[in-house]
Amino acid sequence: MTFMVVRGSAENGPYRCPCCGYITLAERGAFEICEVCYWEDDGQDEHDADEVRGGPNHDLSLRQARQNFEAIGACNEYCCPFVRVPLPAEHPDSGSLYGTGTLYSWP
């Protein structure tokens, strides 16, 4: 199976989390965990938001994680104890709510 992943280097960051939209990630697609919603950034983004990839986010699609964040403040109910309120500097100031980067095919 081939996945398309979004990658972004630290020198071009920080980046918005593809789940909650807050600017919490130093890199994109580097399996960093967002402290605001607890989504683990495996490079999934708008191009495949409905796909359930398995991996670090288990049986959760990005779209479902976004809906969960809107409803309960975390990507899933098990992550609620670990999330925090976004810092003022993490609020996106304009444009698309969700993260950007470069799309790559993997493997």
PDB file of N, CA and C in Angstrom:
ATOM      1  N   MET A   1       0.845  -1.178   0.000  1.00  0.00           N
ATOM      2  CA  MET A   1       0.000   0.000   0.000  1.00  0.00           C
ATOM      3  C   MET A   1       0.891   1.243   0.000  1.00  0.00           C
ATOM      4  N   THR A   2       0.533   2.217  -0.799  1.00  0.00           N
ATOM      5  CA  THR A   2       1.269   3.472  -0.872  1.00  0.00           C
ATOM      6  C   THR A   2       0.472   4.574  -0.197  1.00  0.00           C
ATOM      7  N   PHE A   3       1.137   5.327   0.664  1.00  0.00           N
ATOM      8  CA  PHE A   3       0.521   6.470   1.324  1.00  0.00           C
ATOM      9  C   PHE A   3       1.118   7.748   0.772  1.00  0.00           C
ATOM     10  N   MET A   4       0.313   8.788   0.735  1.00  0.00           N
ATOM     11  CA  MET A   4       0.811  10.122   0.454  1.00  0.00           C
ATOM     12  C   MET A   4       0.947  10.801   1.812  1.00  0.00           C
ATOM     13  N   VAL A   5       2.115  11.372   2.068  1.00  0.00           N
ATOM     14  CA  VAL A   5       2.354  12.017   3.357  1.00  0.00           C
ATOM     15  C   VAL A   5       2.797  13.456   3.160  1.00  0.00           C
ATOM     16  N   VAL A   6       2.462  14.288   4.113  1.00  0.00           N
ATOM     17  CA  VAL A   6       2.905  15.677   4.116  1.00  0.00           C
ATOM     18  C   VAL A   6       4.117  15.762   5.027  1.00  0.00           C
ATOM     19  N   ARG A   7       5.192  16.343   4.511  1.00  0.00           N
ATOM     20  CA  ARG A   7       6.414  16.510   5.283  1.00  0.00           C
ATOM     21  C   ARG A   7       6.785  17.985   5.311  1.00  0.00           C
ATOM     22  N   GLY A   8       7.351  18.424   6.391  1.00  0.00           N
ATOM     23  CA  GLY A   8       7.847  19.788   6.512  1.00  0.00           C
ATOM     24  C   GLY A   8       8.982  19.821   7.509  1.00  0.00           C
ATOM     25  N   SER A   9      10.080  20.425   7.141  1.00  0.00           N
ATOM     26  CA  SER A   9      11.266  20.423   7.995  1.00  0.00           C
ATOM     27  C   SER A   9      11.179  21.479   9.092  1.00  0.00           C
ATOM     28  N   ALA A  10      11.975  21.263  10.127  1.00  0.00           N
ATOM     29  CA  ALA A  10      11.980  22.182  11.267  1.00  0.00           C
ATOM     30  C   ALA A  10      12.419  23.582  10.865  1.00  0.00           C
ATOM     31  N   GLU A  11      13.326  23.694   9.893  1.00  0.00           N
ATOM     32  CA  GLU A  11      13.777  25.032   9.505  1.00  0.00           C
ATOM     33  C   GLU A  11      12.683  25.847   8.832  1.00  0.00           C
ATOM     34  N   ASN A  12      11.633  25.188   8.342  1.00  0.00           N
ATOM     35  CA  ASN A  12      10.506  25.903   7.735  1.00  0.00           C
ATOM     36  C   ASN A  12       9.301  25.992   8.660  1.00  0.00           C
ATOM     37  N   GLY A  13       9.403  25.452   9.860  1.00  0.00           N
ATOM     38  CA  GLY A  13       8.287  25.422  10.803  1.00  0.00           C
ATOM     39  C   GLY A  13       8.232  26.677  11.650  1.00  0.00           C
ATOM     40  N   PRO A  14       7.377  26.715  12.625  1.00  0.00           N
ATOM     41  CA  PRO A  14       6.490  25.647  13.071  1.00  0.00           C
ATOM     42  C   PRO A  14       5.279  25.493  12.151  1.00  0.00           C
ATOM     43  N   TYR A  15       4.556  24.391  12.361  1.00  0.00           N
ATOM     44  CA  TYR A  15       3.427  24.031  11.514  1.00  0.00           C
ATOM     45  C   TYR A  15       2.151  23.877  12.333  1.00  0.00           C
ATOM     46  N   ARG A  16       1.039  24.019  11.637  1.00  0.00           N
ATOM     47  CA  ARG A  16      -0.264  23.775  12.259  1.00  0.00           C
ATOM     48  C   ARG A  16      -0.523  22.277  12.329  1.00  0.00           C
ATOM     49  N   CYS A  17      -1.104  21.851  13.400  1.00  0.00           N
ATOM     50  CA  CYS A  17      -1.522  20.457  13.538  1.00  0.00           C
ATOM     51  C   CYS A  17      -2.630  20.187  12.528  1.00  0.00           C
ATOM     52  N   PRO A  18      -2.558  19.074  11.786  1.00  0.00           N
ATOM     53  CA  PRO A  18      -3.611  18.784  10.821  1.00  0.00           C
ATOM     54  C   PRO A  18      -4.950  18.435  11.474  1.00  0.00           C
ATOM     55  N   CYS A  19      -4.943  18.121  12.754  1.00  0.00           N
ATOM     56  CA  CYS A  19      -6.179  17.782  13.455  1.00  0.00           C
ATOM     57  C   CYS A  19      -6.847  19.017  14.048  1.00  0.00           C
ATOM     58  N   CYS A  20      -6.169  19.703  14.958  1.00  0.00           N
ATOM     59  CA  CYS A  20      -6.799  20.828  15.664  1.00  0.00           C
ATOM     60  C   CYS A  20      -6.550  22.180  15.004  1.00  0.00           C
ATOM     61  N   GLY A  21      -5.516  22.280  14.163  1.00  0.00           N
ATOM     62  CA  GLY A  21      -5.225  23.523  13.463  1.00  0.00           C
ATOM     63  C   GLY A  21      -4.351  24.499  14.224  1.00  0.00           C
ATOM     64  N   TYR A  22      -3.976  24.176  15.445  1.00  0.00           N
ATOM     65  CA  TYR A  22      -3.111  25.070  16.209  1.00  0.00           C
ATOM     66  C   TYR A  22      -1.648  24.857  15.813  1.00  0.00           C
ATOM     67  N   ILE A  23      -0.856  25.890  15.950  1.00  0.00           N
ATOM     68  CA  ILE A  23       0.547  25.851  15.528  1.00  0.00           C
ATOM     69  C   ILE A  23       1.360  25.229  16.659  1.00  0.00           C
ATOM     70  N   THR A  24       1.467  23.890  16.620  1.00  0.00           N
ATOM     71  CA  THR A  24       2.102  23.156  17.716  1.00  0.00           C
ATOM     72  C   THR A  24       3.215  22.225  17.261  1.00  0.00           C
ATOM     73  N   LEU A  25       3.419  22.077  15.966  1.00  0.00           N
ATOM     74  CA  LEU A  25       4.376  21.092  15.464  1.00  0.00           C
ATOM     75  C   LEU A  25       5.643  21.748  14.936  1.00  0.00           C
ATOM     76  N   ALA A  26       6.794  21.264  15.381  1.00  0.00           N
ATOM     77  CA  ALA A  26       8.074  21.766  14.877  1.00  0.00           C
ATOM     78  C   ALA A  26       8.310  21.291  13.449  1.00  0.00           C
ATOM     79  N   GLU A  27       7.855  20.071  13.125  1.00  0.00           N
ATOM     80  CA  GLU A  27       7.991  19.485  11.795  1.00  0.00           C
ATOM     81  C   GLU A  27       6.659  18.872  11.394  1.00  0.00           C
ATOM     82  N   ARG A  28       6.497  18.560  10.115  1.00  0.00           N
ATOM     83  CA  ARG A  28       5.311  17.834   9.644  1.00  0.00           C
ATOM     84  C   ARG A  28       5.720  16.430   9.249  1.00  0.00           C
ATOM     85  N   GLY A  29       4.871  15.474   9.582  1.00  0.00           N
ATOM     86  CA  GLY A  29       5.090  14.086   9.212  1.00  0.00           C
ATOM     87  C   GLY A  29       6.203  13.410   9.983  1.00  0.00           C
ATOM     88  N   ALA A  30       6.579  13.945  11.125  1.00  0.00           N
ATOM     89  CA  ALA A  30       7.698  13.410  11.910  1.00  0.00           C
ATOM     90  C   ALA A  30       7.220  12.669  13.162  1.00  0.00           C
ATOM     91  N   PHE A  31       5.942  12.312  13.211  1.00  0.00           N
ATOM     92  CA  PHE A  31       5.354  11.563  14.317  1.00  0.00           C
ATOM     93  C   PHE A  31       5.417  12.313  15.647  1.00  0.00           C
ATOM     94  N   GLU A  32       5.390  13.633  15.556  1.00  0.00           N
ATOM     95  CA  GLU A  32       5.333  14.482  16.744  1.00  0.00           C
ATOM     96  C   GLU A  32       3.885  14.496  17.257  1.00  0.00           C
ATOM     97  N   ILE A  33       3.695  14.515  18.559  1.00  0.00           N
ATOM     98  CA  ILE A  33       2.357  14.537  19.148  1.00  0.00           C
ATOM     99  C   ILE A  33       1.982  15.969  19.492  1.00  0.00           C
ATOM    100  N   CYS A  34       0.828  16.401  19.005  1.00  0.00           N
ATOM    101  CA  CYS A  34       0.311  17.731  19.309  1.00  0.00           C
ATOM    102  C   CYS A  34      -0.172  17.740  20.758  1.00  0.00           C
ATOM    103  N   GLU A  35       0.298  18.688  21.538  1.00  0.00           N
ATOM    104  CA  GLU A  35      -0.090  18.765  22.944  1.00  0.00           C
ATOM    105  C   GLU A  35      -1.488  19.339  23.143  1.00  0.00           C
ATOM    106  N   VAL A  36      -2.056  19.954  22.108  1.00  0.00           N
ATOM    107  CA  VAL A  36      -3.395  20.542  22.219  1.00  0.00           C
ATOM    108  C   VAL A  36      -4.485  19.499  21.974  1.00  0.00           C
ATOM    109  N   CYS A  37      -4.285  18.596  21.008  1.00  0.00           N
ATOM    110  CA  CYS A  37      -5.327  17.598  20.703  1.00  0.00           C
ATOM    111  C   CYS A  37      -4.849  16.150  20.838  1.00  0.00           C
ATOM    112  N   TYR A  38      -3.535  15.955  20.932  1.00  0.00           N
ATOM    113  CA  TYR A  38      -2.875  14.664  21.081  1.00  0.00           C
ATOM    114  C   TYR A  38      -2.891  13.812  19.815  1.00  0.00           C
ATOM    115  N   TRP A  39      -3.060  14.429  18.655  1.00  0.00           N
ATOM    116  CA  TRP A  39      -2.922  13.734  17.372  1.00  0.00           C
ATOM    117  C   TRP A  39      -1.438  13.504  17.121  1.00  0.00           C
ATOM    118  N   GLU A  40      -1.063  12.299  16.679  1.00  0.00           N
ATOM    119  CA  GLU A  40       0.324  12.032  16.307  1.00  0.00           C
ATOM    120  C   GLU A  40       0.458  12.245  14.809  1.00  0.00           C
ATOM    121  N   ASP A  41       1.275  13.208  14.423  1.00  0.00           N
ATOM    122  CA  ASP A  41       1.368  13.636  13.027  1.00  0.00           C
ATOM    123  C   ASP A  41       2.187  12.657  12.194  1.00  0.00           C
ATOM    124  N   ASP A  42       1.486  11.777  11.495  1.00  0.00           N
ATOM    125  CA  ASP A  42       2.120  10.794  10.621  1.00  0.00           C
ATOM    126  C   ASP A  42       2.139  11.248   9.163  1.00  0.00           C
ATOM    127  N   GLY A  43       1.821  12.506   8.915  1.00  0.00           N
ATOM    128  CA  GLY A  43       1.834  13.041   7.554  1.00  0.00           C
ATOM    129  C   GLY A  43       0.478  13.026   6.876  1.00  0.00           C
ATOM    130  N   GLN A  44      -0.541  12.523   7.543  1.00  0.00           N
ATOM    131  CA  GLN A  44      -1.883  12.530   6.974  1.00  0.00           C
ATOM    132  C   GLN A  44      -2.400  13.960   6.959  1.00  0.00           C
ATOM    133  N   ASP A  45      -3.162  14.309   5.915  1.00  0.00           N
ATOM    134  CA  ASP A  45      -3.684  15.667   5.801  1.00  0.00           C
ATOM    135  C   ASP A  45      -4.953  15.637   4.960  1.00  0.00           C
ATOM    136  N   GLU A  46      -5.339  16.768   4.442  1.00  0.00           N
ATOM    137  CA  GLU A  46      -6.611  16.924   3.738  1.00  0.00           C
ATOM    138  C   GLU A  46      -6.779  15.936   2.585  1.00  0.00           C
ATOM    139  N   HIS A  47      -5.697  15.591   1.897  1.00  0.00           N
ATOM    140  CA  HIS A  47      -5.769  14.703   0.735  1.00  0.00           C
ATOM    141  C   HIS A  47      -6.300  13.311   1.072  1.00  0.00           C
ATOM    142  N   ASP A  48      -6.196  12.886   2.317  1.00  0.00           N
ATOM    143  CA  ASP A  48      -6.697  11.563   2.710  1.00  0.00           C
ATOM    144  C   ASP A  48      -7.314  11.578   4.112  1.00  0.00           C
ATOM    145  N   ALA A  49      -7.984  12.661   4.430  1.00  0.00           N
ATOM    146  CA  ALA A  49      -8.528  12.852   5.779  1.00  0.00           C
ATOM    147  C   ALA A  49      -9.543  11.782   6.180  1.00  0.00           C
ATOM    148  N   ASP A  50     -10.170  11.122   5.216  1.00  0.00           N
ATOM    149  CA  ASP A  50     -11.164  10.096   5.534  1.00  0.00           C
ATOM    150  C   ASP A  50     -10.564   8.697   5.676  1.00  0.00           C
ATOM    151  N   GLU A  51      -9.291   8.537   5.359  1.00  0.00           N
ATOM    152  CA  GLU A  51      -8.634   7.231   5.423  1.00  0.00           C
ATOM    153  C   GLU A  51      -8.287   6.875   6.866  1.00  0.00           C
ATOM    154  N   VAL A  52      -8.493   5.623   7.217  1.00  0.00           N
ATOM    155  CA  VAL A  52      -8.017   5.096   8.496  1.00  0.00           C
ATOM    156  C   VAL A  52      -6.725   4.364   8.171  1.00  0.00           C
ATOM    157  N   ARG A  53      -5.600   4.905   8.600  1.00  0.00           N
ATOM    158  CA  ARG A  53      -4.297   4.351   8.261  1.00  0.00           C
ATOM    159  C   ARG A  53      -3.808   3.309   9.254  1.00  0.00           C
ATOM    160  N   GLY A  54      -4.410   3.241  10.419  1.00  0.00           N
ATOM    161  CA  GLY A  54      -3.824   2.417  11.469  1.00  0.00           C
ATOM    162  C   GLY A  54      -2.667   3.198  12.057  1.00  0.00           C
ATOM    163  N   GLY A  55      -1.546   2.580  12.240  1.00  0.00           N
ATOM    164  CA  GLY A  55      -0.354   3.283  12.705  1.00  0.00           C
ATOM    165  C   GLY A  55      -0.564   3.969  14.044  1.00  0.00           C
ATOM    166  N   PRO A  56       0.068   5.123  14.242  1.00  0.00           N
ATOM    167  CA  PRO A  56       0.047   5.753  15.562  1.00  0.00           C
ATOM    168  C   PRO A  56      -1.326   6.237  16.009  1.00  0.00           C
ATOM    169  N   ASN A  57      -2.225   6.496  15.064  1.00  0.00           N
ATOM    170  CA  ASN A  57      -3.559   6.994  15.424  1.00  0.00           C
ATOM    171  C   ASN A  57      -4.618   5.894  15.382  1.00  0.00           C
ATOM    172  N   HIS A  58      -4.148   4.664  15.279  1.00  0.00           N
ATOM    173  CA  HIS A  58      -4.963   3.457  15.385  1.00  0.00           C
ATOM    174  C   HIS A  58      -6.137   3.454  14.408  1.00  0.00           C
ATOM    175  N   ASP A  59      -7.360   3.327  14.902  1.00  0.00           N
ATOM    176  CA  ASP A  59      -8.537   3.183  14.038  1.00  0.00           C
ATOM    177  C   ASP A  59      -9.247   4.509  13.799  1.00  0.00           C
ATOM    178  N   LEU A  60      -8.506   5.597  13.814  1.00  0.00           N
ATOM    179  CA  LEU A  60      -9.077   6.935  13.715  1.00  0.00           C
ATOM    180  C   LEU A  60      -8.655   7.600  12.410  1.00  0.00           C
ATOM    181  N   SER A  61      -9.624   8.075  11.646  1.00  0.00           N
ATOM    182  CA  SER A  61      -9.283   8.900  10.481  1.00  0.00           C
ATOM    183  C   SER A  61      -9.031  10.321  10.969  1.00  0.00           C
ATOM    184  N   LEU A  62      -8.349  11.096  10.162  1.00  0.00           N
ATOM    185  CA  LEU A  62      -8.101  12.491  10.515  1.00  0.00           C
ATOM    186  C   LEU A  62      -9.414  13.254  10.627  1.00  0.00           C
ATOM    187  N   ARG A  63     -10.352  12.994   9.725  1.00  0.00           N
ATOM    188  CA  ARG A  63     -11.645  13.682   9.786  1.00  0.00           C
ATOM    189  C   ARG A  63     -12.376  13.365  11.090  1.00  0.00           C
ATOM    190  N   GLN A  64     -12.359  12.094  11.507  1.00  0.00           N
ATOM    191  CA  GLN A  64     -13.008  11.725  12.769  1.00  0.00           C
ATOM    192  C   GLN A  64     -12.292  12.373  13.955  1.00  0.00           C
ATOM    193  N   ALA A  65     -10.964  12.426  13.897  1.00  0.00           N
ATOM    194  CA  ALA A  65     -10.201  13.079  14.970  1.00  0.00           C
ATOM    195  C   ALA A  65     -10.555  14.559  15.060  1.00  0.00           C
ATOM    196  N   ARG A  66     -10.732  15.211  13.911  1.00  0.00           N
ATOM    197  CA  ARG A  66     -11.133  16.624  13.899  1.00  0.00           C
ATOM    198  C   ARG A  66     -12.506  16.803  14.529  1.00  0.00           C
ATOM    199  N   GLN A  67     -13.430  15.912  14.195  1.00  0.00           N
ATOM    200  CA  GLN A  67     -14.778  15.987  14.776  1.00  0.00           C
ATOM    201  C   GLN A  67     -14.718  15.758  16.283  1.00  0.00           C
ATOM    202  N   ASN A  68     -13.896  14.809  16.701  1.00  0.00           N
ATOM    203  CA  ASN A  68     -13.725  14.561  18.136  1.00  0.00           C
ATOM    204  C   ASN A  68     -13.154  15.787  18.835  1.00  0.00           C
ATOM    205  N   PHE A  69     -12.166  16.429  18.215  1.00  0.00           N
ATOM    206  CA  PHE A  69     -11.572  17.618  18.824  1.00  0.00           C
ATOM    207  C   PHE A  69     -12.613  18.711  19.004  1.00  0.00           C
ATOM    208  N   GLU A  70     -13.442  18.905  18.001  1.00  0.00           N
ATOM    209  CA  GLU A  70     -14.505  19.915  18.099  1.00  0.00           C
ATOM    210  C   GLU A  70     -15.480  19.584  19.232  1.00  0.00           C
ATOM    211  N   ALA A  71     -15.758  18.296  19.421  1.00  0.00           N
ATOM    212  CA  ALA A  71     -16.754  17.881  20.413  1.00  0.00           C
ATOM    213  C   ALA A  71     -16.197  17.758  21.834  1.00  0.00           C
ATOM    214  N   ILE A  72     -14.987  17.188  21.966  1.00  0.00           N
ATOM    215  CA  ILE A  72     -14.484  16.870  23.312  1.00  0.00           C
ATOM    216  C   ILE A  72     -13.125  17.498  23.639  1.00  0.00           C
ATOM    217  N   GLY A  73     -12.510  18.189  22.668  1.00  0.00           N
ATOM    218  CA  GLY A  73     -11.241  18.859  22.931  1.00  0.00           C
ATOM    219  C   GLY A  73     -10.012  17.985  22.832  1.00  0.00           C
ATOM    220  N   ALA A  74     -10.158  16.794  22.242  1.00  0.00           N
ATOM    221  CA  ALA A  74      -9.029  15.882  22.026  1.00  0.00           C
ATOM    222  C   ALA A  74      -9.345  15.034  20.800  1.00  0.00           C
ATOM    223  N   CYS A  75      -8.318  14.424  20.210  1.00  0.00           N
ATOM    224  CA  CYS A  75      -8.551  13.626  19.000  1.00  0.00           C
ATOM    225  C   CYS A  75      -9.370  12.374  19.293  1.00  0.00           C
ATOM    226  N   ASN A  76      -9.303  11.857  20.511  1.00  0.00           N
ATOM    227  CA  ASN A  76     -10.199  10.786  20.944  1.00  0.00           C
ATOM    228  C   ASN A  76     -10.363  10.855  22.460  1.00  0.00           C
ATOM    229  N   GLU A  77     -11.341  10.172  22.974  1.00  0.00           N
ATOM    230  CA  GLU A  77     -11.690  10.299  24.394  1.00  0.00           C
ATOM    231  C   GLU A  77     -10.573   9.839  25.323  1.00  0.00           C
ATOM    232  N   TYR A  78      -9.746   8.885  24.874  1.00  0.00           N
ATOM    233  CA  TYR A  78      -8.671   8.377  25.721  1.00  0.00           C
ATOM    234  C   TYR A  78      -7.550   9.396  25.915  1.00  0.00           C
ATOM    235  N   CYS A  79      -7.492  10.384  25.037  1.00  0.00           N
ATOM    236  CA  CYS A  79      -6.427  11.395  25.110  1.00  0.00           C
ATOM    237  C   CYS A  79      -6.820  12.622  25.927  1.00  0.00           C
ATOM    238  N   CYS A  80      -8.054  12.714  26.347  1.00  0.00           N
ATOM    239  CA  CYS A  80      -8.519  13.897  27.090  1.00  0.00           C
ATOM    240  C   CYS A  80      -7.639  14.262  28.286  1.00  0.00           C
ATOM    241  N   PRO A  81      -7.147  13.292  29.070  1.00  0.00           N
ATOM    242  CA  PRO A  81      -6.328  13.670  30.225  1.00  0.00           C
ATOM    243  C   PRO A  81      -4.971  14.291  29.861  1.00  0.00           C
ATOM    244  N   PHE A  82      -4.539  14.136  28.612  1.00  0.00           N
ATOM    245  CA  PHE A  82      -3.192  14.554  28.229  1.00  0.00           C
ATOM    246  C   PHE A  82      -3.134  15.883  27.487  1.00  0.00           C
ATOM    247  N   VAL A  83      -4.269  16.398  27.043  1.00  0.00           N
ATOM    248  CA  VAL A  83      -4.267  17.622  26.233  1.00  0.00           C
ATOM    249  C   VAL A  83      -4.192  18.867  27.105  1.00  0.00           C
ATOM    250  N   ARG A  84      -3.865  19.978  26.466  1.00  0.00           N
ATOM    251  CA  ARG A  84      -3.811  21.261  27.168  1.00  0.00           C
ATOM    252  C   ARG A  84      -4.452  22.337  26.300  1.00  0.00           C
ATOM    253  N   VAL A  85      -4.721  23.462  26.903  1.00  0.00           N
ATOM    254  CA  VAL A  85      -5.276  24.627  26.205  1.00  0.00           C
ATOM    255  C   VAL A  85      -4.172  25.218  25.327  1.00  0.00           C
ATOM    256  N   PRO A  86      -4.503  25.640  24.104  1.00  0.00           N
ATOM    257  CA  PRO A  86      -3.469  26.234  23.250  1.00  0.00           C
ATOM    258  C   PRO A  86      -2.955  27.555  23.813  1.00  0.00           C
ATOM    259  N   LEU A  87      -1.676  27.790  23.622  1.00  0.00           N
ATOM    260  CA  LEU A  87      -1.053  29.046  24.024  1.00  0.00           C
ATOM    261  C   LEU A  87      -1.441  30.136  23.034  1.00  0.00           C
ATOM    262  N   PRO A  88      -1.424  31.400  23.429  1.00  0.00           N
ATOM    263  CA  PRO A  88      -1.785  32.479  22.498  1.00  0.00           C
ATOM    264  C   PRO A  88      -0.970  32.453  21.202  1.00  0.00           C
ATOM    265  N   ALA A  89       0.306  32.133  21.285  1.00  0.00           N
ATOM    266  CA  ALA A  89       1.166  32.103  20.094  1.00  0.00           C
ATOM    267  C   ALA A  89       0.847  30.937  19.165  1.00  0.00           C
ATOM    268  N   GLU A  90       0.069  29.964  19.632  1.00  0.00           N
ATOM    269  CA  GLU A  90      -0.258  28.793  18.819  1.00  0.00           C
ATOM    270  C   GLU A  90      -1.530  28.963  17.995  1.00  0.00           C
ATOM    271  N   HIS A  91      -2.252  30.043  18.195  1.00  0.00           N
ATOM    272  CA  HIS A  91      -3.473  30.288  17.431  1.00  0.00           C
ATOM    273  C   HIS A  91      -3.114  30.679  16.002  1.00  0.00           C
ATOM    274  N   PRO A  92      -3.718  30.031  15.004  1.00  0.00           N
ATOM    275  CA  PRO A  92      -3.425  30.415  13.620  1.00  0.00           C
ATOM    276  C   PRO A  92      -3.961  31.818  13.355  1.00  0.00           C
ATOM    277  N   ASP A  93      -3.193  32.633  12.652  1.00  0.00           N
ATOM    278  CA  ASP A  93      -3.649  34.012  12.448  1.00  0.00           C
ATOM    279  C   ASP A  93      -4.410  34.228  11.155  1.00  0.00           C
ATOM    280  N   SER A  94      -4.268  33.347  10.174  1.00  0.00           N
ATOM    281  CA  SER A  94      -5.032  33.520   8.934  1.00  0.00           C
ATOM    282  C   SER A  94      -4.918  32.272   8.072  1.00  0.00           C
ATOM    283  N   GLY A  95      -5.702  32.257   6.998  1.00  0.00           N
ATOM    284  CA  GLY A  95      -5.610  31.182   6.018  1.00  0.00           C
ATOM    285  C   GLY A  95      -6.309  29.917   6.460  1.00  0.00           C
ATOM    286  N   SER A  96      -5.954  28.839   5.796  1.00  0.00           N
ATOM    287  CA  SER A  96      -6.530  27.534   6.055  1.00  0.00           C
ATOM    288  C   SER A  96      -6.261  27.107   7.493  1.00  0.00           C
ATOM    289  N   LEU A  97      -7.239  26.472   8.117  1.00  0.00           N
ATOM    290  CA  LEU A  97      -7.103  26.044   9.506  1.00  0.00           C
ATOM    291  C   LEU A  97      -6.065  24.946   9.660  1.00  0.00           C
ATOM    292  N   TYR A  98      -5.904  24.102   8.651  1.00  0.00           N
ATOM    293  CA  TYR A  98      -5.072  22.915   8.809  1.00  0.00           C
ATOM    294  C   TYR A  98      -3.700  23.085   8.188  1.00  0.00           C
ATOM    295  N   GLY A  99      -2.738  22.313   8.689  1.00  0.00           N
ATOM    296  CA  GLY A  99      -1.327  22.430   8.374  1.00  0.00           C
ATOM    297  C   GLY A  99      -0.969  22.335   6.907  1.00  0.00           C
ATOM    298  N   THR A 100       0.207  22.830   6.591  1.00  0.00           N
ATOM    299  CA  THR A 100       0.736  22.774   5.240  1.00  0.00           C
ATOM    300  C   THR A 100       2.088  22.090   5.279  1.00  0.00           C
ATOM    301  N   GLY A 101       2.613  21.796   4.140  1.00  0.00           N
ATOM    302  CA  GLY A 101       3.894  21.123   3.983  1.00  0.00           C
ATOM    303  C   GLY A 101       3.966  20.655   2.546  1.00  0.00           C
ATOM    304  N   THR A 102       4.837  19.714   2.250  1.00  0.00           N
ATOM    305  CA  THR A 102       4.996  19.186   0.902  1.00  0.00           C
ATOM    306  C   THR A 102       4.491  17.758   0.869  1.00  0.00           C
ATOM    307  N   LEU A 103       3.721  17.410  -0.150  1.00  0.00           N
ATOM    308  CA  LEU A 103       3.125  16.085  -0.282  1.00  0.00           C
ATOM    309  C   LEU A 103       4.115  15.124  -0.935  1.00  0.00           C
ATOM    310  N   TYR A 104       4.350  13.971  -0.307  1.00  0.00           N
ATOM    311  CA  TYR A 104       5.254  12.949  -0.825  1.00  0.00           C
ATOM    312  C   TYR A 104       4.543  11.607  -0.850  1.00  0.00           C
ATOM    313  N   SER A 105       4.992  10.724  -1.746  1.00  0.00           N
ATOM    314  CA  SER A 105       4.496   9.354  -1.798  1.00  0.00           C
ATOM    315  C   SER A 105       5.407   8.480  -0.945  1.00  0.00           C
ATOM    316  N   TRP A 106       4.802   7.577  -0.167  1.00  0.00           N
ATOM    317  CA  TRP A 106       5.590   6.708   0.693  1.00  0.00           C
ATOM    318  C   TRP A 106       4.985   5.327   0.710  1.00  0.00           C
ATOM    319  N   PRO A 107       5.642   4.245   0.665  1.00  0.00           N
ATOM    320  CA  PRO A 107       7.088   4.058   0.552  1.00  0.00           C
ATOM    321  C   PRO A 107       7.559   4.184  -0.862  1.00  0.00           C
TER     322      PRO A 107
END
